[in-house]
Amino acid sequence: MSKLSEFRKSYELGELDEAQATDGPLALFNRWMDEAIAHDVSEPTAMTVATVGADGRPSTRVVLLKGCDARGMVWFTNYESRKGEELAHSPWAALQFHWVEMERVVRIEGRVEKTSAQESDEYFRSRPLDSRLGAWASPQSRVISSRAVLVANAAKAAVQHGLNPERPPHWGGYRLLPDRFEFWQGRRSRLHDRLVFRLDAGTNAWLRERLAP
């Protein structure tokens, strides 16, 4: 642990200037996502989701992005989990993608709403059977006595729901409606590139700014 302060890395793989961000934040995000996939980045859709509880205490966890369009960024989870409870209290969240292999970070903030039941049903039906049964088996974020509880719950769910389980009422999607994007590209000498897009509430237009690293 005494060596942690000695770790150093020079970021030299890319750059980000305003000419690359003329089409707005969603176009830039889609381009970066495509490039992350093309470069075989490990888990390119993995994103950290930050929420805040009723006590003001923040928490983070990693989930997988399952949809991205002009409406927002979508993921699916248990509505009764800690993040579900926190979003019910305060429907605002922040997302972060960290593509280490490309020395890039994207941060996205905005209000969160549930996806429609139809969207949640369609995605649920596309999941592998074990994952669908797991949604019934896991009381997410609740204390359990041992892993044997999960195994037993999964076996019970398989008997009860068979090969075509319906979506649990406590499970579904969330959509973050972005009002802020930040794109970070590592640069040499810690002079990193940071471009921020803020949604202007009056004009509904994206305002672009450069931040000091």
N, C-alpha and C. Protein backbone atom coordinates (compact mmCIF):
# COMPACT_ATOMS: atom_id res chain seq x y z
N MET A 1 0.81 -1.21 0.00
CA MET A 1 0.00 0.00 0.00
C MET A 1 0.85 1.27 0.00
N SER A 2 2.08 1.17 0.53
CA SER A 2 2.93 2.35 0.59
C SER A 2 3.36 2.80 -0.79
N LYS A 3 3.19 1.95 -1.82
CA LYS A 3 3.62 2.29 -3.17
C LYS A 3 2.52 2.97 -3.99
N LEU A 4 1.32 3.13 -3.46
CA LEU A 4 0.22 3.68 -4.25
C LEU A 4 0.55 5.07 -4.79
N SER A 5 1.19 5.88 -3.99
CA SER A 5 1.49 7.25 -4.40
C SER A 5 2.50 7.30 -5.54
N GLU A 6 3.14 6.18 -5.82
CA GLU A 6 4.17 6.17 -6.86
C GLU A 6 3.62 5.79 -8.23
N PHE A 7 2.37 5.37 -8.30
CA PHE A 7 1.81 4.98 -9.59
C PHE A 7 1.65 6.21 -10.48
N ARG A 8 2.13 6.10 -11.70
CA ARG A 8 2.02 7.18 -12.67
C ARG A 8 1.69 6.61 -14.04
N LYS A 9 0.91 7.34 -14.81
CA LYS A 9 0.61 6.94 -16.18
C LYS A 9 0.52 8.20 -17.02
N SER A 10 1.16 8.18 -18.17
CA SER A 10 1.07 9.29 -19.11
C SER A 10 0.01 8.97 -20.15
N TYR A 11 -0.99 9.83 -20.26
CA TYR A 11 -2.09 9.61 -21.20
C TYR A 11 -1.75 10.22 -22.55
N GLU A 12 -1.64 9.38 -23.56
CA GLU A 12 -1.13 9.87 -24.85
C GLU A 12 -1.85 9.28 -26.05
N LEU A 13 -3.00 8.64 -25.83
CA LEU A 13 -3.64 7.91 -26.94
C LEU A 13 -4.52 8.76 -27.83
N GLY A 14 -4.98 9.90 -27.35
CA GLY A 14 -5.93 10.65 -28.17
C GLY A 14 -6.03 12.10 -27.74
N GLU A 15 -6.95 12.79 -28.40
CA GLU A 15 -7.23 14.18 -28.07
C GLU A 15 -8.70 14.45 -28.36
N LEU A 16 -9.22 15.52 -27.80
CA LEU A 16 -10.62 15.89 -28.01
C LEU A 16 -10.68 17.39 -28.18
N ASP A 17 -11.04 17.82 -29.38
CA ASP A 17 -11.21 19.25 -29.62
C ASP A 17 -12.64 19.54 -30.07
N GLU A 18 -12.97 20.81 -30.12
CA GLU A 18 -14.33 21.21 -30.42
C GLU A 18 -14.79 20.77 -31.81
N ALA A 19 -13.86 20.59 -32.73
CA ALA A 19 -14.23 20.17 -34.08
C ALA A 19 -14.82 18.76 -34.10
N GLN A 20 -14.50 17.97 -33.09
CA GLN A 20 -15.03 16.61 -33.01
C GLN A 20 -16.38 16.55 -32.33
N ALA A 21 -16.89 17.70 -31.88
CA ALA A 21 -18.11 17.71 -31.08
C ALA A 21 -19.14 18.69 -31.61
N THR A 22 -19.20 18.80 -32.93
CA THR A 22 -20.11 19.78 -33.54
C THR A 22 -21.54 19.27 -33.68
N ASP A 23 -21.74 17.97 -33.59
CA ASP A 23 -23.08 17.41 -33.80
C ASP A 23 -23.85 17.16 -32.51
N GLY A 24 -23.33 17.62 -31.40
CA GLY A 24 -24.03 17.48 -30.14
C GLY A 24 -23.55 16.28 -29.35
N PRO A 25 -23.95 16.20 -28.08
CA PRO A 25 -23.41 15.18 -27.18
C PRO A 25 -23.82 13.76 -27.52
N LEU A 26 -25.04 13.56 -27.99
CA LEU A 26 -25.47 12.19 -28.25
C LEU A 26 -24.68 11.59 -29.41
N ALA A 27 -24.45 12.38 -30.45
CA ALA A 27 -23.66 11.89 -31.58
C ALA A 27 -22.24 11.55 -31.15
N LEU A 28 -21.65 12.41 -30.30
CA LEU A 28 -20.29 12.14 -29.83
C LEU A 28 -20.28 10.90 -28.94
N PHE A 29 -21.28 10.77 -28.07
CA PHE A 29 -21.33 9.58 -27.23
C PHE A 29 -21.45 8.31 -28.07
N ASN A 30 -22.33 8.32 -29.05
CA ASN A 30 -22.50 7.14 -29.90
C ASN A 30 -21.21 6.80 -30.64
N ARG A 31 -20.49 7.83 -31.09
CA ARG A 31 -19.23 7.58 -31.78
C ARG A 31 -18.20 6.97 -30.84
N TRP A 32 -18.12 7.51 -29.64
CA TRP A 32 -17.17 6.96 -28.67
C TRP A 32 -17.55 5.54 -28.28
N MET A 33 -18.84 5.27 -28.12
CA MET A 33 -19.27 3.91 -27.79
C MET A 33 -18.90 2.95 -28.92
N ASP A 34 -19.15 3.34 -30.16
CA ASP A 34 -18.79 2.49 -31.31
C ASP A 34 -17.30 2.22 -31.33
N GLU A 35 -16.50 3.25 -31.02
CA GLU A 35 -15.05 3.08 -31.02
C GLU A 35 -14.61 2.18 -29.87
N ALA A 36 -15.27 2.29 -28.72
CA ALA A 36 -14.93 1.41 -27.59
C ALA A 36 -15.22 -0.05 -27.94
N ILE A 37 -16.35 -0.29 -28.59
CA ILE A 37 -16.69 -1.65 -29.01
C ILE A 37 -15.69 -2.16 -30.05
N ALA A 38 -15.35 -1.30 -31.02
CA ALA A 38 -14.43 -1.70 -32.08
C ALA A 38 -13.03 -2.00 -31.53
N HIS A 39 -12.66 -1.32 -30.44
CA HIS A 39 -11.34 -1.53 -29.84
C HIS A 39 -11.35 -2.63 -28.78
N ASP A 40 -12.42 -3.40 -28.72
CA ASP A 40 -12.52 -4.52 -27.77
C ASP A 40 -12.30 -4.08 -26.33
N VAL A 41 -12.84 -2.91 -25.99
CA VAL A 41 -12.81 -2.47 -24.61
C VAL A 41 -13.58 -3.48 -23.76
N SER A 42 -13.06 -3.81 -22.61
CA SER A 42 -13.74 -4.74 -21.71
C SER A 42 -15.02 -4.10 -21.17
N GLU A 43 -16.14 -4.77 -21.38
CA GLU A 43 -17.45 -4.29 -20.90
C GLU A 43 -17.69 -2.83 -21.29
N PRO A 44 -17.77 -2.52 -22.57
CA PRO A 44 -17.94 -1.13 -22.99
C PRO A 44 -19.25 -0.50 -22.51
N THR A 45 -20.28 -1.31 -22.28
CA THR A 45 -21.56 -0.76 -21.85
C THR A 45 -21.69 -0.64 -20.33
N ALA A 46 -20.66 -1.06 -19.60
CA ALA A 46 -20.71 -0.96 -18.13
C ALA A 46 -20.61 0.50 -17.70
N MET A 47 -21.50 0.89 -16.81
CA MET A 47 -21.50 2.28 -16.34
C MET A 47 -21.78 2.31 -14.84
N THR A 48 -21.13 3.23 -14.16
CA THR A 48 -21.40 3.46 -12.75
C THR A 48 -22.62 4.37 -12.64
N VAL A 49 -23.57 3.97 -11.81
CA VAL A 49 -24.76 4.78 -11.56
C VAL A 49 -24.69 5.31 -10.14
N ALA A 50 -24.77 6.62 -9.98
CA ALA A 50 -24.74 7.25 -8.66
C ALA A 50 -26.11 7.82 -8.33
N THR A 51 -26.59 7.49 -7.13
CA THR A 51 -27.86 8.01 -6.64
C THR A 51 -27.65 8.52 -5.22
N VAL A 52 -28.69 9.16 -4.68
CA VAL A 52 -28.60 9.72 -3.32
C VAL A 52 -29.82 9.28 -2.54
N GLY A 53 -29.59 8.83 -1.31
CA GLY A 53 -30.68 8.38 -0.46
C GLY A 53 -31.36 9.51 0.28
N ALA A 54 -32.42 9.16 0.99
CA ALA A 54 -33.18 10.16 1.75
C ALA A 54 -32.32 10.83 2.82
N ASP A 55 -31.26 10.14 3.26
CA ASP A 55 -30.37 10.71 4.27
C ASP A 55 -29.25 11.54 3.67
N GLY A 56 -29.29 11.73 2.35
CA GLY A 56 -28.26 12.52 1.68
C GLY A 56 -26.99 11.76 1.39
N ARG A 57 -26.98 10.48 1.69
CA ARG A 57 -25.78 9.65 1.50
C ARG A 57 -25.75 9.12 0.07
N PRO A 58 -24.69 9.38 -0.70
CA PRO A 58 -24.61 8.89 -2.07
C PRO A 58 -24.18 7.43 -2.11
N SER A 59 -24.54 6.76 -3.19
CA SER A 59 -24.08 5.38 -3.40
C SER A 59 -23.92 5.15 -4.89
N THR A 60 -23.01 4.24 -5.21
CA THR A 60 -22.76 3.91 -6.61
C THR A 60 -22.80 2.40 -6.79
N ARG A 61 -23.07 2.00 -8.04
CA ARG A 61 -23.00 0.60 -8.43
C ARG A 61 -22.82 0.56 -9.94
N VAL A 62 -22.40 -0.58 -10.47
CA VAL A 62 -22.18 -0.72 -11.90
C VAL A 62 -23.33 -1.50 -12.51
N VAL A 63 -23.91 -0.95 -13.57
CA VAL A 63 -24.96 -1.63 -14.32
C VAL A 63 -24.57 -1.56 -15.80
N LEU A 64 -25.37 -2.21 -16.65
CA LEU A 64 -25.07 -2.23 -18.08
C LEU A 64 -26.08 -1.39 -18.85
N LEU A 65 -25.58 -0.53 -19.71
CA LEU A 65 -26.43 0.27 -20.58
C LEU A 65 -27.12 -0.64 -21.58
N LYS A 66 -28.45 -0.52 -21.68
CA LYS A 66 -29.20 -1.39 -22.59
C LYS A 66 -29.95 -0.62 -23.67
N GLY A 67 -29.89 0.68 -23.63
CA GLY A 67 -30.53 1.48 -24.66
C GLY A 67 -30.02 2.90 -24.62
N CYS A 68 -29.90 3.51 -25.80
CA CYS A 68 -29.41 4.89 -25.89
C CYS A 68 -29.97 5.52 -27.15
N ASP A 69 -30.80 6.54 -26.98
CA ASP A 69 -31.32 7.28 -28.12
C ASP A 69 -31.66 8.69 -27.66
N ALA A 70 -32.39 9.43 -28.48
CA ALA A 70 -32.68 10.81 -28.15
C ALA A 70 -33.51 10.95 -26.87
N ARG A 71 -34.18 9.87 -26.48
CA ARG A 71 -34.98 9.92 -25.26
C ARG A 71 -34.14 9.79 -24.00
N GLY A 72 -32.98 9.11 -24.08
CA GLY A 72 -32.13 8.96 -22.91
C GLY A 72 -31.41 7.64 -22.85
N MET A 73 -30.83 7.36 -21.69
CA MET A 73 -30.00 6.19 -21.46
C MET A 73 -30.78 5.21 -20.58
N VAL A 74 -30.84 3.93 -20.99
CA VAL A 74 -31.72 2.96 -20.34
C VAL A 74 -30.93 1.83 -19.71
N TRP A 75 -31.35 1.42 -18.51
CA TRP A 75 -30.85 0.20 -17.88
C TRP A 75 -32.02 -0.46 -17.15
N PHE A 76 -31.83 -1.71 -16.77
CA PHE A 76 -32.90 -2.47 -16.13
C PHE A 76 -32.41 -3.04 -14.81
N THR A 77 -33.34 -3.14 -13.84
CA THR A 77 -32.94 -3.57 -12.51
C THR A 77 -34.17 -3.89 -11.67
N ASN A 78 -33.93 -4.19 -10.42
CA ASN A 78 -34.98 -4.44 -9.45
C ASN A 78 -35.42 -3.10 -8.86
N TYR A 79 -36.71 -2.77 -8.99
CA TYR A 79 -37.21 -1.50 -8.46
C TYR A 79 -37.15 -1.44 -6.94
N GLU A 80 -37.04 -2.59 -6.27
CA GLU A 80 -37.01 -2.61 -4.82
C GLU A 80 -35.59 -2.65 -4.26
N SER A 81 -34.59 -2.52 -5.14
CA SER A 81 -33.20 -2.49 -4.71
C SER A 81 -32.89 -1.14 -4.05
N ARG A 82 -31.68 -1.02 -3.54
CA ARG A 82 -31.30 0.26 -2.93
C ARG A 82 -31.38 1.40 -3.93
N LYS A 83 -30.89 1.17 -5.16
CA LYS A 83 -30.95 2.25 -6.14
C LYS A 83 -32.38 2.58 -6.51
N GLY A 84 -33.26 1.55 -6.53
CA GLY A 84 -34.66 1.81 -6.82
C GLY A 84 -35.30 2.65 -5.74
N GLU A 85 -35.01 2.35 -4.50
CA GLU A 85 -35.56 3.13 -3.39
C GLU A 85 -35.03 4.56 -3.41
N GLU A 86 -33.74 4.71 -3.73
CA GLU A 86 -33.17 6.06 -3.76
C GLU A 86 -33.73 6.87 -4.92
N LEU A 87 -33.95 6.24 -6.07
CA LEU A 87 -34.53 6.96 -7.20
C LEU A 87 -35.98 7.33 -6.93
N ALA A 88 -36.69 6.51 -6.16
CA ALA A 88 -38.06 6.84 -5.80
C ALA A 88 -38.09 8.08 -4.91
N HIS A 89 -37.06 8.24 -4.08
CA HIS A 89 -36.97 9.42 -3.22
C HIS A 89 -36.47 10.64 -3.97
N SER A 90 -35.43 10.45 -4.78
CA SER A 90 -34.83 11.56 -5.52
C SER A 90 -34.54 11.09 -6.94
N PRO A 91 -35.38 11.44 -7.91
CA PRO A 91 -35.26 10.90 -9.26
C PRO A 91 -34.19 11.57 -10.11
N TRP A 92 -32.99 11.68 -9.57
CA TRP A 92 -31.85 12.24 -10.27
C TRP A 92 -30.67 11.28 -10.12
N ALA A 93 -29.87 11.17 -11.16
CA ALA A 93 -28.74 10.25 -11.11
C ALA A 93 -27.61 10.77 -11.98
N ALA A 94 -26.44 10.20 -11.77
CA ALA A 94 -25.27 10.48 -12.60
C ALA A 94 -24.71 9.15 -13.08
N LEU A 95 -24.31 9.10 -14.35
CA LEU A 95 -23.72 7.91 -14.94
C LEU A 95 -22.26 8.21 -15.29
N GLN A 96 -21.43 7.19 -15.24
CA GLN A 96 -20.04 7.34 -15.68
C GLN A 96 -19.57 6.09 -16.41
N PHE A 97 -19.04 6.30 -17.61
CA PHE A 97 -18.37 5.26 -18.38
C PHE A 97 -16.88 5.54 -18.31
N HIS A 98 -16.10 4.51 -18.01
CA HIS A 98 -14.65 4.65 -17.96
C HIS A 98 -14.04 3.60 -18.87
N TRP A 99 -13.60 4.05 -20.05
CA TRP A 99 -12.98 3.16 -21.02
C TRP A 99 -11.47 3.31 -20.87
N VAL A 100 -10.94 2.53 -19.95
CA VAL A 100 -9.53 2.66 -19.56
C VAL A 100 -8.62 2.48 -20.76
N GLU A 101 -8.93 1.49 -21.60
CA GLU A 101 -8.06 1.18 -22.73
C GLU A 101 -7.93 2.34 -23.72
N MET A 102 -8.90 3.25 -23.71
CA MET A 102 -8.88 4.38 -24.64
C MET A 102 -8.62 5.70 -23.92
N GLU A 103 -8.38 5.61 -22.60
CA GLU A 103 -8.10 6.80 -21.78
C GLU A 103 -9.23 7.82 -21.91
N ARG A 104 -10.47 7.31 -21.80
CA ARG A 104 -11.65 8.15 -21.95
C ARG A 104 -12.63 7.93 -20.81
N VAL A 105 -13.33 8.99 -20.45
CA VAL A 105 -14.42 8.95 -19.49
C VAL A 105 -15.57 9.78 -20.03
N VAL A 106 -16.80 9.27 -19.86
CA VAL A 106 -17.99 10.05 -20.16
C VAL A 106 -18.84 10.10 -18.90
N ARG A 107 -19.27 11.30 -18.53
CA ARG A 107 -20.15 11.49 -17.39
C ARG A 107 -21.46 12.09 -17.90
N ILE A 108 -22.58 11.55 -17.41
CA ILE A 108 -23.90 11.99 -17.86
C ILE A 108 -24.78 12.19 -16.63
N GLU A 109 -25.50 13.30 -16.58
CA GLU A 109 -26.38 13.59 -15.45
C GLU A 109 -27.77 13.92 -15.95
N GLY A 110 -28.77 13.65 -15.12
CA GLY A 110 -30.12 14.01 -15.49
C GLY A 110 -31.17 13.39 -14.59
N ARG A 111 -32.41 13.68 -14.93
CA ARG A 111 -33.56 13.13 -14.21
C ARG A 111 -33.85 11.72 -14.71
N VAL A 112 -34.36 10.88 -13.82
CA VAL A 112 -34.61 9.48 -14.13
C VAL A 112 -36.10 9.17 -14.01
N GLU A 113 -36.61 8.41 -14.97
CA GLU A 113 -37.98 7.92 -14.92
C GLU A 113 -38.00 6.45 -15.30
N LYS A 114 -39.06 5.76 -14.94
CA LYS A 114 -39.20 4.37 -15.32
C LYS A 114 -39.55 4.26 -16.80
N THR A 115 -39.06 3.22 -17.45
CA THR A 115 -39.50 2.95 -18.81
C THR A 115 -40.94 2.43 -18.77
N SER A 116 -41.57 2.38 -19.92
CA SER A 116 -42.93 1.86 -19.98
C SER A 116 -42.92 0.36 -19.68
N ALA A 117 -44.08 -0.15 -19.26
CA ALA A 117 -44.21 -1.59 -19.01
C ALA A 117 -43.91 -2.37 -20.28
N GLN A 118 -44.30 -1.85 -21.43
CA GLN A 118 -44.05 -2.54 -22.69
C GLN A 118 -42.56 -2.66 -22.96
N GLU A 119 -41.81 -1.58 -22.74
CA GLU A 119 -40.36 -1.64 -22.94
C GLU A 119 -39.72 -2.64 -22.00
N SER A 120 -40.16 -2.62 -20.74
CA SER A 120 -39.59 -3.55 -19.77
C SER A 120 -39.93 -4.99 -20.14
N ASP A 121 -41.16 -5.23 -20.58
CA ASP A 121 -41.57 -6.58 -20.98
C ASP A 121 -40.74 -7.07 -22.17
N GLU A 122 -40.56 -6.21 -23.16
CA GLU A 122 -39.82 -6.61 -24.36
C GLU A 122 -38.39 -6.96 -24.03
N TYR A 123 -37.74 -6.15 -23.19
CA TYR A 123 -36.37 -6.47 -22.84
C TYR A 123 -36.31 -7.73 -21.99
N PHE A 124 -37.23 -7.87 -21.04
CA PHE A 124 -37.22 -9.04 -20.17
C PHE A 124 -37.32 -10.31 -20.99
N ARG A 125 -38.17 -10.32 -22.01
CA ARG A 125 -38.33 -11.52 -22.84
C ARG A 125 -37.08 -11.84 -23.64
N SER A 126 -36.22 -10.84 -23.87
CA SER A 126 -34.99 -11.06 -24.64
C SER A 126 -33.87 -11.65 -23.79
N ARG A 127 -34.02 -11.69 -22.48
CA ARG A 127 -32.95 -12.16 -21.60
C ARG A 127 -32.88 -13.68 -21.60
N PRO A 128 -31.71 -14.24 -21.31
CA PRO A 128 -31.61 -15.69 -21.15
C PRO A 128 -32.54 -16.17 -20.04
N LEU A 129 -32.97 -17.42 -20.13
CA LEU A 129 -33.91 -17.96 -19.15
C LEU A 129 -33.37 -17.85 -17.73
N ASP A 130 -32.10 -18.19 -17.53
CA ASP A 130 -31.54 -18.13 -16.18
C ASP A 130 -31.61 -16.72 -15.60
N SER A 131 -31.41 -15.72 -16.45
CA SER A 131 -31.48 -14.33 -15.99
C SER A 131 -32.91 -13.95 -15.63
N ARG A 132 -33.88 -14.42 -16.41
CA ARG A 132 -35.28 -14.14 -16.09
C ARG A 132 -35.69 -14.78 -14.78
N LEU A 133 -35.25 -16.02 -14.56
CA LEU A 133 -35.55 -16.67 -13.29
C LEU A 133 -34.82 -15.99 -12.13
N GLY A 134 -33.62 -15.50 -12.42
CA GLY A 134 -32.86 -14.80 -11.38
C GLY A 134 -33.55 -13.54 -10.90
N ALA A 135 -34.30 -12.88 -11.79
CA ALA A 135 -35.03 -11.68 -11.38
C ALA A 135 -36.10 -12.01 -10.34
N TRP A 136 -36.65 -13.22 -10.42
CA TRP A 136 -37.61 -13.68 -9.42
C TRP A 136 -36.90 -14.17 -8.16
N ALA A 137 -35.70 -14.72 -8.32
CA ALA A 137 -35.02 -15.38 -7.20
C ALA A 137 -34.33 -14.43 -6.25
N SER A 138 -33.86 -13.28 -6.75
CA SER A 138 -33.02 -12.41 -5.94
C SER A 138 -33.79 -11.24 -5.33
N PRO A 139 -33.87 -11.18 -4.00
CA PRO A 139 -34.43 -10.00 -3.33
C PRO A 139 -33.34 -8.93 -3.24
N GLN A 140 -33.04 -8.30 -4.34
CA GLN A 140 -31.84 -7.48 -4.49
C GLN A 140 -31.68 -6.45 -3.38
N SER A 141 -30.48 -6.36 -2.87
CA SER A 141 -30.07 -5.43 -1.81
C SER A 141 -30.58 -5.82 -0.43
N ARG A 142 -31.32 -6.93 -0.32
CA ARG A 142 -31.80 -7.38 0.98
C ARG A 142 -30.78 -8.35 1.60
N VAL A 143 -30.72 -8.39 2.92
CA VAL A 143 -29.82 -9.30 3.62
C VAL A 143 -30.37 -10.73 3.48
N ILE A 144 -29.49 -11.67 3.11
CA ILE A 144 -29.85 -13.09 3.07
C ILE A 144 -28.85 -13.86 3.91
N SER A 145 -29.25 -15.03 4.39
CA SER A 145 -28.41 -15.78 5.32
C SER A 145 -27.25 -16.47 4.63
N SER A 146 -27.42 -16.86 3.36
CA SER A 146 -26.35 -17.55 2.65
C SER A 146 -26.69 -17.61 1.17
N ARG A 147 -25.72 -18.04 0.37
CA ARG A 147 -25.97 -18.20 -1.07
C ARG A 147 -27.01 -19.29 -1.32
N ALA A 148 -27.12 -20.22 -0.38
CA ALA A 148 -28.11 -21.29 -0.54
C ALA A 148 -29.52 -20.74 -0.70
N VAL A 149 -29.77 -19.57 -0.13
CA VAL A 149 -31.09 -18.94 -0.28
C VAL A 149 -31.36 -18.63 -1.75
N LEU A 150 -30.36 -18.08 -2.43
CA LEU A 150 -30.52 -17.75 -3.85
C LEU A 150 -30.74 -19.01 -4.68
N VAL A 151 -29.96 -20.03 -4.41
CA VAL A 151 -30.08 -21.29 -5.15
C VAL A 151 -31.47 -21.87 -4.96
N ALA A 152 -31.94 -21.86 -3.72
CA ALA A 152 -33.27 -22.39 -3.45
C ALA A 152 -34.35 -21.55 -4.10
N ASN A 153 -34.19 -20.24 -4.06
CA ASN A 153 -35.17 -19.36 -4.71
C ASN A 153 -35.20 -19.58 -6.22
N ALA A 154 -34.03 -19.78 -6.82
CA ALA A 154 -33.97 -20.01 -8.26
C ALA A 154 -34.66 -21.32 -8.63
N ALA A 155 -34.44 -22.35 -7.84
CA ALA A 155 -35.11 -23.63 -8.10
C ALA A 155 -36.62 -23.50 -7.96
N LYS A 156 -37.05 -22.78 -6.95
CA LYS A 156 -38.48 -22.56 -6.75
C LYS A 156 -39.08 -21.77 -7.91
N ALA A 157 -38.35 -20.74 -8.38
CA ALA A 157 -38.83 -19.93 -9.50
C ALA A 157 -38.96 -20.77 -10.76
N ALA A 158 -38.00 -21.69 -10.97
CA ALA A 158 -38.05 -22.54 -12.15
C ALA A 158 -39.29 -23.44 -12.13
N VAL A 159 -39.63 -23.93 -10.95
CA VAL A 159 -40.82 -24.79 -10.83
C VAL A 159 -42.09 -23.97 -11.04
N GLN A 160 -42.13 -22.78 -10.45
CA GLN A 160 -43.34 -21.96 -10.51
C GLN A 160 -43.59 -21.34 -11.88
N HIS A 161 -42.51 -20.93 -12.57
CA HIS A 161 -42.66 -20.14 -13.79
C HIS A 161 -42.28 -20.89 -15.06
N GLY A 162 -41.62 -22.01 -14.94
CA GLY A 162 -41.31 -22.82 -16.10
C GLY A 162 -40.35 -22.15 -17.06
N LEU A 163 -40.57 -22.42 -18.36
CA LEU A 163 -39.64 -21.95 -19.39
C LEU A 163 -39.98 -20.56 -19.93
N ASN A 164 -41.08 -19.99 -19.49
CA ASN A 164 -41.48 -18.69 -20.01
C ASN A 164 -41.96 -17.78 -18.89
N PRO A 165 -41.08 -17.44 -17.97
CA PRO A 165 -41.50 -16.60 -16.85
C PRO A 165 -41.89 -15.19 -17.28
N GLU A 166 -42.93 -14.67 -16.69
CA GLU A 166 -43.31 -13.28 -16.93
C GLU A 166 -42.40 -12.35 -16.15
N ARG A 167 -42.36 -11.10 -16.55
CA ARG A 167 -41.55 -10.12 -15.83
C ARG A 167 -42.13 -9.89 -14.44
N PRO A 168 -41.27 -9.94 -13.42
CA PRO A 168 -41.76 -9.63 -12.06
C PRO A 168 -42.24 -8.18 -11.98
N PRO A 169 -43.27 -7.91 -11.22
CA PRO A 169 -43.77 -6.53 -11.12
C PRO A 169 -42.75 -5.58 -10.48
N HIS A 170 -41.79 -6.13 -9.74
CA HIS A 170 -40.79 -5.30 -9.08
C HIS A 170 -39.53 -5.12 -9.93
N TRP A 171 -39.57 -5.50 -11.17
CA TRP A 171 -38.37 -5.46 -12.02
C TRP A 171 -38.70 -4.72 -13.32
N GLY A 172 -37.80 -3.85 -13.77
CA GLY A 172 -38.05 -3.13 -15.02
C GLY A 172 -36.96 -2.13 -15.33
N GLY A 173 -37.26 -1.21 -16.21
CA GLY A 173 -36.25 -0.30 -16.72
C GLY A 173 -36.33 1.10 -16.14
N TYR A 174 -35.18 1.77 -16.21
CA TYR A 174 -35.09 3.19 -15.91
C TYR A 174 -34.50 3.90 -17.13
N ARG A 175 -34.89 5.13 -17.32
CA ARG A 175 -34.32 5.96 -18.38
C ARG A 175 -33.85 7.27 -17.77
N LEU A 176 -32.57 7.57 -17.96
CA LEU A 176 -32.04 8.86 -17.55
C LEU A 176 -32.18 9.85 -18.70
N LEU A 177 -32.81 10.98 -18.43
CA LEU A 177 -33.02 12.03 -19.42
C LEU A 177 -31.89 13.05 -19.26
N PRO A 178 -30.88 13.02 -20.10
CA PRO A 178 -29.67 13.82 -19.86
C PRO A 178 -29.91 15.32 -19.95
N ASP A 179 -29.30 16.04 -19.04
CA ASP A 179 -29.21 17.50 -19.19
C ASP A 179 -27.76 17.97 -19.09
N ARG A 180 -26.84 17.02 -18.94
CA ARG A 180 -25.42 17.36 -18.90
C ARG A 180 -24.59 16.16 -19.33
N PHE A 181 -23.67 16.38 -20.25
CA PHE A 181 -22.67 15.39 -20.67
C PHE A 181 -21.30 16.00 -20.43
N GLU A 182 -20.37 15.18 -19.98
CA GLU A 182 -18.97 15.59 -19.97
C GLU A 182 -18.13 14.50 -20.62
N PHE A 183 -17.29 14.91 -21.57
CA PHE A 183 -16.39 13.99 -22.26
C PHE A 183 -14.96 14.34 -21.85
N TRP A 184 -14.25 13.31 -21.37
CA TRP A 184 -12.89 13.49 -20.86
C TRP A 184 -11.96 12.61 -21.67
N GLN A 185 -10.93 13.21 -22.22
CA GLN A 185 -9.90 12.47 -22.94
C GLN A 185 -8.56 12.74 -22.27
N GLY A 186 -7.89 11.68 -21.82
CA GLY A 186 -6.61 11.85 -21.17
C GLY A 186 -5.57 12.44 -22.12
N ARG A 187 -4.74 13.35 -21.59
CA ARG A 187 -3.68 13.96 -22.38
C ARG A 187 -2.39 14.00 -21.56
N ARG A 188 -1.30 14.20 -22.26
CA ARG A 188 0.01 14.24 -21.62
C ARG A 188 0.10 15.40 -20.63
N SER A 189 0.92 15.21 -19.60
CA SER A 189 1.20 16.23 -18.58
C SER A 189 -0.03 16.61 -17.78
N ARG A 190 -1.02 15.73 -17.75
CA ARG A 190 -2.27 15.96 -17.01
C ARG A 190 -3.06 17.14 -17.56
N LEU A 191 -2.75 17.57 -18.77
CA LEU A 191 -3.51 18.65 -19.42
C LEU A 191 -4.64 18.02 -20.24
N HIS A 192 -5.54 17.35 -19.54
CA HIS A 192 -6.58 16.56 -20.19
C HIS A 192 -7.60 17.45 -20.90
N ASP A 193 -8.27 16.87 -21.88
CA ASP A 193 -9.36 17.55 -22.57
C ASP A 193 -10.68 17.24 -21.89
N ARG A 194 -11.46 18.28 -21.61
CA ARG A 194 -12.78 18.12 -21.01
C ARG A 194 -13.78 19.02 -21.74
N LEU A 195 -14.73 18.41 -22.42
CA LEU A 195 -15.80 19.17 -23.06
C LEU A 195 -17.11 18.83 -22.38
N VAL A 196 -17.84 19.87 -22.01
CA VAL A 196 -19.13 19.71 -21.33
C VAL A 196 -20.24 20.27 -22.20
N PHE A 197 -21.34 19.53 -22.25
CA PHE A 197 -22.57 19.99 -22.90
C PHE A 197 -23.64 20.14 -21.83
N ARG A 198 -24.24 21.33 -21.74
CA ARG A 198 -25.33 21.59 -20.81
C ARG A 198 -26.60 21.92 -21.58
N LEU A 199 -27.70 21.31 -21.18
CA LEU A 199 -28.97 21.57 -21.86
C LEU A 199 -29.59 22.84 -21.29
N ASP A 200 -29.78 23.84 -22.15
CA ASP A 200 -30.38 25.10 -21.74
C ASP A 200 -31.89 24.92 -21.64
N ALA A 201 -32.43 25.12 -20.44
CA ALA A 201 -33.86 24.87 -20.21
C ALA A 201 -34.73 25.81 -21.02
N GLY A 202 -34.26 27.02 -21.28
CA GLY A 202 -35.07 27.99 -22.00
C GLY A 202 -35.20 27.69 -23.48
N THR A 203 -34.10 27.27 -24.09
CA THR A 203 -34.09 27.05 -25.54
C THR A 203 -34.09 25.59 -25.92
N ASN A 204 -33.86 24.72 -24.94
CA ASN A 204 -33.73 23.27 -25.18
C ASN A 204 -32.59 22.97 -26.14
N ALA A 205 -31.58 23.83 -26.13
CA ALA A 205 -30.40 23.65 -26.96
C ALA A 205 -29.21 23.28 -26.09
N TRP A 206 -28.27 22.54 -26.68
CA TRP A 206 -27.07 22.14 -25.94
C TRP A 206 -26.01 23.22 -26.04
N LEU A 207 -25.49 23.63 -24.89
CA LEU A 207 -24.41 24.62 -24.82
C LEU A 207 -23.11 23.87 -24.53
N ARG A 208 -22.08 24.14 -25.31
CA ARG A 208 -20.81 23.43 -25.17
C ARG A 208 -19.78 24.34 -24.52
N GLU A 209 -19.02 23.78 -23.58
CA GLU A 209 -17.97 24.52 -22.89
C GLU A 209 -16.77 23.63 -22.69
N ARG A 210 -15.59 24.24 -22.61
CA ARG A 210 -14.38 23.50 -22.27
C ARG A 210 -14.03 23.79 -20.82
N LEU A 211 -13.73 22.75 -20.07
CA LEU A 211 -13.33 22.90 -18.67
C LEU A 211 -11.84 22.65 -18.51
N ALA A 212 -11.25 23.35 -17.57
CA ALA A 212 -9.85 23.07 -17.22
C ALA A 212 -9.77 21.69 -16.56
N PRO A 213 -8.70 20.95 -16.81
CA PRO A 213 -8.58 19.61 -16.22
C PRO A 213 -8.30 19.69 -14.72
